[in-house]
């Protein structure tokens, strides 16, 4: 059984027991979070597709930790004009473990 959920403007394919990194959530560590924006549910070789979301379907997960991703470098310059700007960015994330898919 798997589901496709939407959170943080992105879509993820999840199954029970999966650990994934999503955009940062305002939830403390070791707390439970519930995703109710479920787009697709596959159960016993039956595929249910929502328009746009499925009703009465929830995905429960536990927050494992918060953190920051790898640093990316943003470098802008204009040739022959002595214009250079270097900036780094680390995107915050929340790591969650999918506990249960309730249909």
Protein backbone atom coordinates (compact mmCIF):
# COMPACT_ATOMS: atom_id res chain seq x y z
CA UNK A 1 0.00 0.00 0.00
CA UNK A 2 1.26 3.46 -0.85
CA UNK A 3 -0.04 7.01 -1.05
CA UNK A 4 1.02 10.22 -2.74
CA UNK A 5 0.82 13.19 -0.37
CA UNK A 6 1.35 16.91 -0.85
CA UNK A 7 3.19 19.06 1.68
CA UNK A 8 5.30 22.16 1.33
CA UNK A 9 4.36 22.55 -2.32
CA UNK A 10 5.89 19.18 -3.22
CA UNK A 11 4.50 15.69 -3.72
CA UNK A 12 5.91 12.52 -2.13
CA UNK A 13 5.19 8.82 -2.65
CA UNK A 14 5.06 7.23 0.81
CA UNK A 15 4.53 3.80 2.35
CA UNK A 16 4.33 2.77 5.98
CA UNK A 17 7.76 2.82 7.60
CA UNK A 18 9.31 5.29 5.14
CA UNK A 19 11.59 8.06 6.40
CA UNK A 20 11.63 11.21 4.29
CA UNK A 21 12.67 14.84 4.40
CA UNK A 22 9.94 17.42 3.81
CA UNK A 23 9.93 21.20 3.94
CA UNK A 24 10.21 22.48 7.51
CA UNK A 25 7.06 21.97 9.62
CA UNK A 26 6.16 23.97 12.74
CA UNK A 27 5.96 20.82 14.90
CA UNK A 28 8.30 19.74 17.69
CA UNK A 29 10.41 16.60 17.63
CA UNK A 30 8.76 13.28 18.61
CA UNK A 31 5.31 14.77 17.94
CA UNK A 32 2.75 13.34 15.52
CA UNK A 33 1.81 15.16 12.33
CA UNK A 34 -1.10 14.30 10.05
CA UNK A 35 -1.08 14.86 6.30
CA UNK A 36 -4.60 15.20 4.91
CA UNK A 37 -3.73 16.29 1.36
CA UNK A 38 -3.64 12.80 -0.16
CA UNK A 39 -3.72 12.77 -3.98
CA UNK A 40 -3.53 9.03 -4.72
CA UNK A 41 -4.05 5.88 -2.66
CA UNK A 42 -3.08 2.40 -3.85
CA UNK A 43 -4.46 -0.41 -1.71
CA UNK A 44 -4.83 -4.08 -2.67
CA UNK A 45 -4.17 -3.36 -6.37
CA UNK A 46 -6.91 -0.71 -6.44
CA UNK A 47 -5.96 2.85 -7.32
CA UNK A 48 -8.01 5.75 -5.94
CA UNK A 49 -7.37 9.20 -7.40
CA UNK A 50 -8.71 12.39 -5.81
CA UNK A 51 -10.10 15.48 -7.47
CA UNK A 52 -7.80 17.07 -6.27
CA UNK A 53 -7.64 15.31 -2.86
CA UNK A 54 -9.15 12.15 -1.43
CA UNK A 55 -11.63 12.55 1.42
CA UNK A 56 -11.39 10.49 4.63
CA UNK A 57 -7.79 9.48 3.90
CA UNK A 58 -5.02 10.51 6.30
CA UNK A 59 -1.32 9.77 6.60
CA UNK A 60 0.09 9.87 10.13
CA UNK A 61 3.79 10.48 10.71
CA UNK A 62 6.18 11.12 13.59
CA UNK A 63 8.72 13.93 13.48
CA UNK A 64 12.23 12.54 13.96
CA UNK A 65 14.32 15.71 13.73
CA UNK A 66 14.77 19.12 12.19
CA UNK A 67 17.88 20.18 10.32
CA UNK A 68 19.44 22.04 7.43
CA UNK A 69 20.38 20.60 4.06
CA UNK A 70 23.64 20.88 2.19
CA UNK A 71 24.93 24.35 1.40
CA UNK A 72 24.44 25.64 -2.10
CA UNK A 73 26.42 28.58 -3.45
CA UNK A 74 24.68 31.39 -5.33
CA UNK A 75 27.30 33.37 -7.29
CA UNK A 76 26.39 36.34 -9.47
CA UNK A 77 28.82 38.38 -11.51
CA UNK A 78 28.98 40.72 -14.47
CA UNK A 79 32.02 40.40 -16.68
CA UNK A 80 34.39 43.38 -16.99
CA UNK A 81 32.40 45.43 -14.41
CA UNK A 82 34.02 44.20 -11.15
CA UNK A 83 30.61 43.07 -9.85
CA UNK A 84 30.65 39.84 -7.84
CA UNK A 85 28.24 38.56 -5.16
CA UNK A 86 28.66 35.24 -3.37
CA UNK A 87 25.89 33.95 -1.14
CA UNK A 88 25.29 30.58 0.51
CA UNK A 89 21.97 28.94 1.40
CA UNK A 90 20.99 25.92 3.50
CA UNK A 91 17.35 24.88 3.19
CA UNK A 92 15.70 23.84 6.49
CA UNK A 93 13.91 20.47 6.54
CA UNK A 94 11.93 18.19 8.82
CA UNK A 95 12.61 14.46 8.81
CA UNK A 96 9.46 12.37 9.35
CA UNK A 97 8.71 8.66 9.62
CA UNK A 98 5.43 7.46 8.12
CA UNK A 99 3.59 5.46 10.78
CA UNK A 100 0.17 4.71 9.29
CA UNK A 101 -1.95 5.29 6.20
CA UNK A 102 -5.62 5.47 7.21
CA UNK A 103 -8.22 4.97 4.51
